[in-house]
Protein backbone atom coordinates (compact mmCIF):
# COMPACT_ATOMS: atom_id res chain seq x y z
CA MET A 1 0.04 0.00 -0.05
CA GLU A 2 1.36 3.41 -0.95
CA THR A 3 2.08 5.67 2.02
CA LEU A 4 -0.16 8.43 0.61
CA THR A 5 -3.20 6.16 0.62
CA LYS A 6 -2.94 4.81 4.16
CA THR A 7 -5.15 7.44 5.74
CA SER A 8 -7.94 6.96 3.15
CA HIS A 9 -7.65 3.27 3.38
CA TYR A 10 -8.25 3.11 7.15
CA ILE A 11 -11.03 5.72 6.90
CA ASN A 12 -12.76 3.81 4.16
CA LEU A 13 -12.57 0.60 6.21
CA GLU A 14 -14.57 2.31 8.99
CA LEU A 15 -17.05 3.90 6.55
CA GLU A 16 -17.70 0.65 4.76
CA ASN A 17 -17.91 -1.64 7.80
CA GLY A 18 -18.97 0.46 10.82
CA ALA A 19 -21.86 2.48 12.12
CA HIS A 20 -21.83 6.10 10.97
CA ASP A 21 -22.23 7.43 14.41
CA TYR A 22 -19.19 9.87 14.51
CA HIS A 23 -17.85 12.58 12.26
CA PRO A 24 -14.12 12.48 13.10
CA ILE A 25 -11.29 14.82 12.08
CA PRO A 26 -9.82 12.96 9.00
CA VAL A 27 -6.61 11.74 10.64
CA VAL A 28 -5.80 8.09 11.48
CA LEU A 29 -3.68 7.70 14.60
CA GLU A 30 -1.46 4.78 15.43
CA ARG A 31 0.80 5.87 18.31
CA GLY A 32 0.82 8.24 21.25
CA GLU A 33 3.31 9.34 23.92
CA GLY A 34 2.80 12.11 26.48
CA VAL A 35 1.28 15.09 24.68
CA PHE A 36 2.00 13.73 21.23
CA LEU A 37 0.20 11.60 18.66
CA TRP A 38 1.47 10.16 15.37
CA ASP A 39 -0.67 9.21 12.40
CA VAL A 40 -0.22 6.24 9.98
CA GLU A 41 1.79 8.45 7.71
CA GLY A 42 4.30 9.20 10.46
CA LYS A 43 3.23 12.82 11.11
CA LYS A 44 3.42 14.09 14.67
CA TYR A 45 0.75 16.16 16.37
CA PHE A 46 0.07 17.93 19.68
CA ASP A 47 -3.09 16.40 21.11
CA PHE A 48 -5.41 19.08 22.27
CA LEU A 49 -8.47 16.96 22.96
CA SER A 50 -6.94 14.25 25.25
CA ALA A 51 -9.66 11.76 24.21
CA TYR A 52 -12.28 14.14 25.69
CA SER A 53 -10.14 14.54 28.87
CA ALA A 54 -9.57 10.84 29.43
CA VAL A 55 -5.83 11.06 28.84
CA ASN A 56 -4.99 13.65 31.50
CA GLN A 57 -1.85 11.67 32.38
CA GLY A 58 -0.59 11.69 28.90
CA HIS A 59 -0.72 8.97 26.20
CA CYS A 60 0.72 5.57 27.25
CA HIS A 61 2.07 6.79 30.54
CA PRO A 62 4.68 4.12 31.37
CA ARG A 63 3.69 3.67 35.03
CA ILE A 64 -0.02 3.07 34.02
CA VAL A 65 0.94 0.86 31.08
CA ASN A 66 3.19 -1.23 33.28
CA ALA A 67 0.57 -1.71 35.87
CA LEU A 68 -1.94 -2.85 33.13
CA LYS A 69 0.70 -5.29 31.75
CA GLU A 70 1.56 -6.75 35.20
CA GLN A 71 -2.05 -7.29 36.25
CA ALA A 72 -3.07 -8.59 32.81
CA SER A 73 -0.51 -11.43 33.22
CA LYS A 74 -2.12 -12.39 36.58
CA LEU A 75 -5.90 -11.95 36.44
CA THR A 76 -8.19 -9.90 34.32
CA LEU A 77 -11.79 -10.71 35.22
CA THR A 78 -13.72 -12.72 37.84
CA SER A 79 -17.12 -10.90 37.57
CA ARG A 80 -18.74 -9.91 40.85
CA ALA A 81 -19.87 -13.51 41.51
CA PHE A 82 -16.56 -13.82 43.43
CA HIS A 83 -14.26 -11.46 45.38
CA ASN A 84 -10.85 -10.50 43.93
CA ASN A 85 -7.78 -9.20 45.82
CA LYS A 86 -7.81 -5.75 44.07
CA LEU A 87 -11.41 -4.47 44.33
CA GLY A 88 -11.50 -3.83 48.16
CA HIS A 89 -8.19 -2.11 48.07
CA TYR A 90 -9.25 0.04 45.10
CA MET A 91 -12.53 1.04 46.88
CA GLU A 92 -10.59 2.03 49.97
CA TYR A 93 -8.02 3.93 47.99
CA VAL A 94 -10.52 5.95 45.83
CA THR A 95 -12.97 6.72 48.60
CA LYS A 96 -10.14 8.18 50.74
CA TYR A 97 -8.63 9.96 47.78
CA PHE A 98 -11.89 11.87 47.10
CA GLY A 99 -13.24 11.93 50.65
CA PHE A 100 -16.35 9.63 50.44
CA GLU A 101 -17.39 6.45 52.24
CA ARG A 102 -18.62 4.16 49.50
CA LEU A 103 -17.85 3.39 45.84
CA LEU A 104 -19.85 1.62 43.09
CA PRO A 105 -17.54 0.45 40.32
CA SER A 106 -18.50 0.49 36.60
CA ASN A 107 -16.91 0.88 33.13
CA THR A 108 -18.14 3.91 31.19
CA GLY A 109 -19.25 7.41 32.04
CA ALA A 110 -22.81 6.91 30.80
CA GLU A 111 -23.04 3.67 32.87
CA ALA A 112 -21.96 5.55 35.93
CA VAL A 113 -24.60 8.30 35.29
CA GLU A 114 -27.24 5.69 34.88
CA ALA A 115 -26.23 4.07 38.22
CA ALA A 116 -26.26 7.47 39.96
CA ILE A 117 -29.80 8.13 38.67
CA LYS A 118 -30.94 4.73 40.05
CA ILE A 119 -29.27 5.29 43.44
CA THR A 120 -30.74 8.85 43.70
CA ARG A 121 -34.25 7.66 42.81
CA LYS A 122 -34.15 4.86 45.27
CA TRP A 123 -32.80 7.13 47.99
CA GLY A 124 -35.72 9.43 47.21
CA TYR A 125 -38.21 6.58 47.81
CA VAL A 126 -36.49 4.83 50.76
CA LYS A 127 -34.98 7.79 52.68
CA LYS A 128 -36.90 10.92 51.65
CA GLY A 129 -40.34 9.22 51.43
CA ILE A 130 -41.22 10.23 47.86
CA PRO A 131 -44.33 8.31 46.69
CA GLU A 132 -43.60 5.36 44.37
CA ASN A 133 -42.76 6.39 40.76
CA LYS A 134 -43.02 10.07 41.58
CA ALA A 135 -39.28 10.91 42.02
CA GLU A 136 -37.95 13.67 39.79
CA ILE A 137 -34.46 14.76 38.99
CA ILE A 138 -33.47 18.30 37.95
CA VAL A 139 -31.03 18.60 35.07
CA CYS A 140 -29.64 21.58 33.07
CA SER A 141 -30.18 22.59 29.47
CA GLN A 142 -27.30 21.94 27.09
CA ASN A 143 -26.13 19.13 29.36
CA PHE A 144 -24.16 16.16 28.25
CA HIS A 145 -24.19 13.05 30.43
CA GLY A 146 -24.01 10.37 27.76
CA ARG A 147 -26.26 8.79 25.10
CA THR A 148 -28.11 5.90 26.71
CA SER A 149 -31.88 5.88 26.26
CA THR A 150 -32.56 7.31 29.66
CA ILE A 151 -29.91 10.03 29.40
CA ILE A 152 -30.95 11.25 25.98
CA SER A 153 -34.48 11.73 27.32
CA PHE A 154 -33.35 14.87 29.14
CA SER A 155 -30.79 15.97 26.50
CA SER A 156 -31.15 19.39 24.79
CA ASP A 157 -29.54 17.96 21.63
CA ALA A 158 -32.17 17.09 19.09
CA GLY A 159 -29.78 14.85 17.20
CA SER A 160 -29.30 12.67 20.24
CA LYS A 161 -33.10 12.14 20.87
CA THR A 162 -35.08 12.53 17.68
CA ASN A 163 -36.60 9.16 16.62
CA PHE A 164 -35.16 7.40 19.64
CA GLY A 165 -38.24 7.76 21.81
CA PRO A 166 -40.39 7.18 23.77
CA HIS A 167 -38.33 9.09 26.24
CA ALA A 168 -38.03 8.44 29.91
CA GLN A 169 -40.03 10.69 32.34
CA GLY A 170 -39.07 12.12 35.68
CA PHE A 171 -36.66 14.86 34.61
CA ILE A 172 -37.11 18.62 34.90
CA THR A 173 -34.84 20.91 32.86
CA ILE A 174 -33.73 24.37 34.07
CA PRO A 175 -31.22 26.74 32.46
CA TYR A 176 -27.59 26.20 33.43
CA ASN A 177 -26.07 28.61 35.92
CA ASP A 178 -29.50 29.80 37.02
CA ILE A 179 -29.81 29.58 40.79
CA GLU A 180 -33.20 31.34 40.73
CA ALA A 181 -34.62 28.65 38.39
CA LEU A 182 -33.27 25.86 40.63
CA GLU A 183 -34.78 27.45 43.74
CA SER A 184 -38.16 27.92 41.91
CA ILE A 185 -38.35 24.23 41.04
CA LEU A 186 -37.34 23.08 44.45
CA GLU A 187 -40.00 25.38 46.08
CA THR A 188 -42.76 24.11 43.82
CA HIS A 189 -42.07 20.41 43.32
CA PRO A 190 -42.09 18.29 46.47
CA HIS A 191 -40.81 15.11 44.84
CA ILE A 192 -37.31 16.12 43.78
CA ALA A 193 -34.70 13.51 44.58
CA GLY A 194 -31.61 15.02 42.98
CA PHE A 195 -30.03 17.76 40.96
CA LEU A 196 -27.67 16.30 38.27
CA VAL A 197 -25.18 18.91 37.07
CA GLU A 198 -21.83 19.38 35.36
CA PRO A 199 -19.67 21.83 37.28
CA ILE A 200 -18.44 22.96 33.82
CA GLN A 201 -20.30 22.01 30.73
CA GLY A 202 -17.68 20.65 28.48
CA GLU A 203 -19.67 19.47 25.41
CA ALA A 204 -21.67 22.71 25.49
CA GLY A 205 -18.49 24.60 24.72
CA VAL A 206 -16.63 24.70 28.11
CA TYR A 207 -19.47 26.83 29.57
CA THR A 208 -18.09 27.88 32.97
CA PRO A 209 -20.73 28.94 35.52
CA ASP A 210 -20.49 31.73 38.10
CA VAL A 211 -17.86 30.95 40.71
CA ASP A 212 -20.50 30.57 43.49
CA PHE A 213 -23.02 28.58 41.33
CA MET A 214 -22.10 25.13 42.70
CA SER A 215 -21.92 26.34 46.34
CA LYS A 216 -25.32 27.99 46.13
CA ALA A 217 -26.77 24.99 44.37
CA ASN A 218 -25.35 22.76 47.16
CA ALA A 219 -26.92 24.99 49.87
CA LEU A 220 -30.30 24.82 48.14
CA CYS A 221 -30.06 21.05 47.83
CA LYS A 222 -29.36 20.80 51.52
CA GLU A 223 -32.29 23.00 52.43
CA TYR A 224 -34.75 21.00 50.40
CA ASN A 225 -33.27 17.54 51.18
CA VAL A 226 -32.15 16.89 47.57
CA LEU A 227 -28.98 15.01 46.46
CA LEU A 228 -26.42 17.17 44.58
CA MET A 229 -25.13 14.86 41.83
CA ALA A 230 -21.88 16.17 40.31
CA ASP A 231 -20.97 14.69 36.86
CA GLU A 232 -17.13 15.05 36.87
CA ILE A 233 -16.55 12.52 34.12
CA GLN A 234 -14.92 15.06 31.89
CA THR A 235 -14.01 17.85 34.34
CA GLY A 236 -12.56 15.78 37.22
CA ILE A 237 -9.14 14.36 38.01
CA GLY A 238 -7.14 17.57 37.84
CA ARG A 239 -8.42 18.79 34.44
CA THR A 240 -9.64 22.19 35.66
CA GLY A 241 -6.79 23.00 38.05
CA SER A 242 -8.43 21.47 41.09
CA LEU A 243 -8.94 17.77 41.76
CA LEU A 244 -12.62 18.25 41.06
CA ALA A 245 -14.19 21.12 39.20
CA VAL A 246 -16.98 21.10 41.76
CA CYS A 247 -14.45 22.41 44.23
CA GLY A 248 -14.28 25.73 42.40
CA ASN A 249 -10.91 27.18 43.29
CA CYS A 250 -9.93 24.81 46.07
CA SER A 251 -8.55 21.32 46.61
CA CYS A 252 -9.59 17.95 47.92
CA LYS A 253 -7.33 16.41 50.53
CA GLY A 254 -4.53 18.84 49.83
CA HIS A 255 -3.97 17.70 46.21
CA CYS A 256 -4.29 21.17 44.75
CA GLU A 257 -2.68 23.52 47.29
CA GLN A 258 -5.73 25.83 47.14
CA GLN A 259 -7.96 27.36 49.87
CA LYS A 260 -11.00 25.40 50.93
CA GLU A 261 -13.47 28.15 51.48
CA THR A 262 -15.23 27.60 48.14
CA TYR A 263 -15.22 23.82 48.49
CA THR A 264 -18.51 22.19 47.48
CA ARG A 265 -18.88 18.51 48.33
CA PRO A 266 -21.51 16.78 46.23
CA ASP A 267 -23.75 14.06 47.70
CA VAL A 268 -23.04 11.88 44.69
CA LEU A 269 -19.87 12.11 42.62
CA ILE A 270 -19.68 10.55 39.17
CA LEU A 271 -16.18 9.78 37.77
CA GLY A 272 -14.83 8.30 34.51
CA LYS A 273 -12.37 8.98 31.69
CA ALA A 274 -9.12 10.10 33.42
CA ILE A 275 -9.65 7.88 36.42
CA SER A 276 -7.87 5.29 34.32
CA GLY A 277 -5.62 7.58 32.36
CA GLY A 278 -7.42 6.58 29.16
CA THR A 279 -5.79 3.14 29.45
CA TYR A 280 -8.85 1.03 30.31
CA PRO A 281 -12.63 1.74 30.67
CA VAL A 282 -13.24 2.67 34.35
CA SER A 283 -15.90 4.78 35.98
CA ALA A 284 -17.39 5.10 39.46
CA VAL A 285 -20.17 6.54 41.59
CA LEU A 286 -19.11 7.71 45.02
CA CYS A 287 -21.28 8.73 47.91
CA ASP A 288 -21.63 8.10 51.64
CA THR A 289 -23.04 5.02 53.35
CA GLU A 290 -26.46 6.50 54.09
CA ILE A 291 -27.01 6.93 50.31
CA MET A 292 -25.21 4.00 48.81
CA ASP A 293 -26.73 1.41 51.19
CA VAL A 294 -30.12 1.76 49.43
CA LEU A 295 -28.69 -0.69 46.87
CA GLN A 296 -28.95 -4.30 47.90
CA PRO A 297 -27.63 -7.42 46.16
CA GLY A 298 -29.30 -8.10 42.80
CA GLN A 299 -30.51 -4.53 42.36
CA HIS A 300 -27.57 -3.33 40.29
CA GLY A 301 -24.55 -4.89 38.70
CA SER A 302 -21.84 -4.93 36.07
CA THR A 303 -19.93 -8.02 34.89
CA PHE A 304 -16.77 -5.98 34.17
CA GLY A 305 -17.25 -3.36 36.98
CA GLY A 306 -14.56 -3.65 39.53
CA ASN A 307 -12.40 -6.11 37.62
CA PRO A 308 -8.83 -6.58 38.86
CA MET A 309 -7.20 -4.90 35.83
CA ALA A 310 -9.47 -1.82 36.04
CA CYS A 311 -8.85 -1.42 39.75
CA THR A 312 -5.06 -1.67 39.31
CA VAL A 313 -4.99 0.76 36.44
CA ALA A 314 -7.18 3.29 38.21
CA MET A 315 -5.14 3.38 41.41
CA GLU A 316 -1.92 3.90 39.40
CA ALA A 317 -3.55 6.57 37.26
CA LEU A 318 -4.58 8.56 40.36
CA GLU A 319 -1.08 8.06 41.87
CA VAL A 320 0.41 9.66 38.80
CA ILE A 321 -1.93 12.64 39.10
CA ARG A 322 -0.76 13.14 42.67
CA ASP A 323 2.89 12.34 42.30
CA GLU A 324 3.45 14.46 39.16
CA GLN A 325 1.45 17.38 40.52
CA LEU A 326 -0.60 17.41 37.30
CA THR A 327 -3.49 19.33 38.98
CA GLN A 328 -1.20 22.21 39.87
CA ASN A 329 0.33 22.13 36.36
CA ALA A 330 -3.13 22.39 34.82
CA ARG A 331 -3.92 25.46 36.96
CA LYS A 332 -0.66 27.31 36.12
CA LEU A 333 -0.58 26.45 32.38
CA GLY A 334 -4.25 27.09 31.90
CA GLN A 335 -3.78 30.61 33.11
CA LEU A 336 -0.83 31.10 30.78
CA PHE A 337 -2.81 29.66 27.84
CA ARG A 338 -5.89 31.90 28.35
CA SER A 339 -3.68 34.94 28.80
CA LYS A 340 -1.80 34.32 25.54
CA ILE A 341 -4.94 33.53 23.61
CA GLN A 342 -6.62 36.70 24.94
CA ASP A 343 -3.63 38.73 23.73
CA TYR A 344 -4.50 37.42 20.25
CA ILE A 345 -8.25 38.00 20.69
CA ASP A 346 -7.74 41.64 21.65
CA SER A 347 -7.04 42.34 17.94
CA SER A 348 -8.97 39.55 16.37
CA THR A 349 -12.24 39.56 14.44
CA ILE A 350 -12.41 35.79 13.94
CA VAL A 351 -12.41 34.84 17.64
CA LEU A 352 -14.89 36.42 20.07
CA LYS A 353 -13.67 35.02 23.44
CA VAL A 354 -11.68 32.37 25.25
CA ARG A 355 -13.11 30.72 28.34
CA GLY A 356 -12.37 27.85 30.66
CA ARG A 357 -10.57 26.74 33.80
CA GLY A 358 -7.29 24.93 34.19
CA LEU A 359 -6.55 23.06 30.95
CA LEU A 360 -10.15 22.80 29.86
CA ASN A 361 -10.65 25.72 27.58
CA ALA A 362 -12.42 26.81 24.42
CA ILE A 363 -12.55 29.64 21.99
CA VAL A 364 -15.76 30.95 20.45
CA ILE A 365 -15.50 31.64 16.75
CA ASN A 366 -17.21 34.70 15.31
CA ASP A 367 -19.73 32.70 13.19
CA THR A 368 -23.01 30.87 13.56
CA GLU A 369 -23.37 27.31 14.91
CA GLN A 370 -24.49 26.22 11.44
CA SER A 371 -21.34 27.39 9.80
CA ASP A 372 -18.24 25.27 9.01
CA THR A 373 -15.66 27.89 10.05
CA ALA A 374 -14.67 26.08 13.24
CA TRP A 375 -14.42 22.78 11.41
CA SER A 376 -12.22 24.37 8.76
CA ILE A 377 -9.97 25.93 11.45
CA CYS A 378 -9.57 22.49 13.01
CA ILE A 379 -8.66 20.97 9.68
CA LYS A 380 -6.01 23.68 9.30
CA LEU A 381 -4.77 23.05 12.90
CA MET A 382 -4.41 19.42 11.97
CA GLU A 383 -2.32 20.33 8.88
CA ASN A 384 -0.14 22.58 11.21
CA GLY A 385 0.39 19.74 13.69
CA LEU A 386 -2.24 20.18 16.36
CA LEU A 387 -5.41 18.17 16.87
CA ALA A 388 -8.70 19.79 18.23
CA LYS A 389 -12.31 19.38 17.37
CA PRO A 390 -15.24 21.75 17.31
CA THR A 391 -18.30 21.49 19.53
CA HIS A 392 -21.67 23.20 19.00
CA GLY A 393 -20.55 24.28 15.54
CA ASN A 394 -18.69 27.52 16.33
CA ILE A 395 -16.73 26.55 19.44
CA ILE A 396 -13.30 24.83 19.55
CA ARG A 397 -12.25 23.07 22.70
CA PHE A 398 -8.54 22.96 23.74
CA ALA A 399 -7.75 20.33 26.34
CA PRO A 400 -4.15 18.95 26.14
CA PRO A 401 -2.86 16.20 28.42
CA LEU A 402 -1.94 17.68 31.86
CA VAL A 403 1.64 16.50 31.44
CA ILE A 404 2.23 19.32 28.91
CA ASN A 405 4.99 21.80 29.88
CA GLU A 406 5.35 25.61 29.49
CA SER A 407 7.43 25.53 26.40
CA GLN A 408 5.09 23.15 24.74
CA ILE A 409 2.02 25.36 25.66
CA LEU A 410 3.72 28.35 24.11
CA GLU A 411 4.57 26.42 20.92
CA CYS A 412 0.95 25.36 20.72
CA VAL A 413 -0.26 28.91 21.22
CA SER A 414 1.84 29.86 18.27
CA ILE A 415 0.36 27.17 16.15
CA ILE A 416 -3.15 28.14 17.18
CA THR A 417 -2.72 31.90 16.67
CA ALA A 418 -0.92 31.44 13.35
CA THR A 419 -3.81 29.22 12.16
CA LEU A 420 -6.42 31.69 13.35
CA LYS A 421 -4.65 34.49 11.63
CA SER A 422 -5.08 32.77 8.30
CA PHE A 423 -8.86 32.90 8.81
CA GLU A 424 -8.90 36.64 9.64
CA PRO A 425 -10.64 38.82 7.05
CA LYS A 426 -8.18 40.28 4.59
């Protein structure tokens, strides 16, 4: 096969044999290391998506890969029909790491969200006394919690839900970052069991709420005896410059060296993606005993959830976050990135704003959501050696692995600004 036809060959294999459920950037990747990816033609790129923030620790981190290899040679799966010698240690480690009492293991982010919904509903019936089949959960517009049949029922994305009904009931949608709307629903609806929210809406374009939104939401949930359910699948594990984005500008257990006055502790914490460093599918729901113990044997389960390989990989991945101070690095370099991009925006007509926290950032392109300008910019970025992808049509998310260093950030800013400059009106 000629080198120049490799990319089209692999893309055509997918198009001819797979479901057409994604519209990827037209690059075919075969190797990764740290902040870099290489395609099948041998071209090297900076990765500024990090597999939607799953690869916070960098591609193929040697410690995580070695942990995977070692465990894979011993025991990979037992199911939950039997105990294994890794699960209990993993549960103890992760609950202490994040400051909760109990952990429910699972595999994917959407699976964890589904589990959190089940736990919250049953808590509403058993603990709060909500009448059977009346429990409701508040969600936010423009949310993204996955694409299972239950989750799409409360999605704002028509493409995710049209022709996939009938949709599940029991969800009330309010505008994101709207405390008054939240309070109004809590005042008028007596059967609310939980409030499911992303501390930063990643898929919506890195929409960052008011700094006190989560703390005020937490206070209202406490007042009305409602569970605050924080979906940190994309924002957690150091990505935003704090261990959890729900913390605002503080740390958990001293990981982030920040003040704790803005700390918001959710009742239910949903984790995924970077909990395994992108090396193996791992997700989890964490909460305290009084909530988690509503689940009894046979009421929820997962064949692969809590398998020895997943537990081993996740513990090593979290160790890397702490040992390499990746949370602190995300905070420092995120500030640098936004500052440099803002310098460019000050004299730009193609970019309206930059927003974000830590190393989860986005720029808003001066065009409509229906335009292809952001897509064209990302194609040009690819040609210039940097991989990113649009969201919501006119927004480009920038989320490199947290192992990136200052000189690499500055090099990437140069690539981004040079690319943007080529799209400025002449």
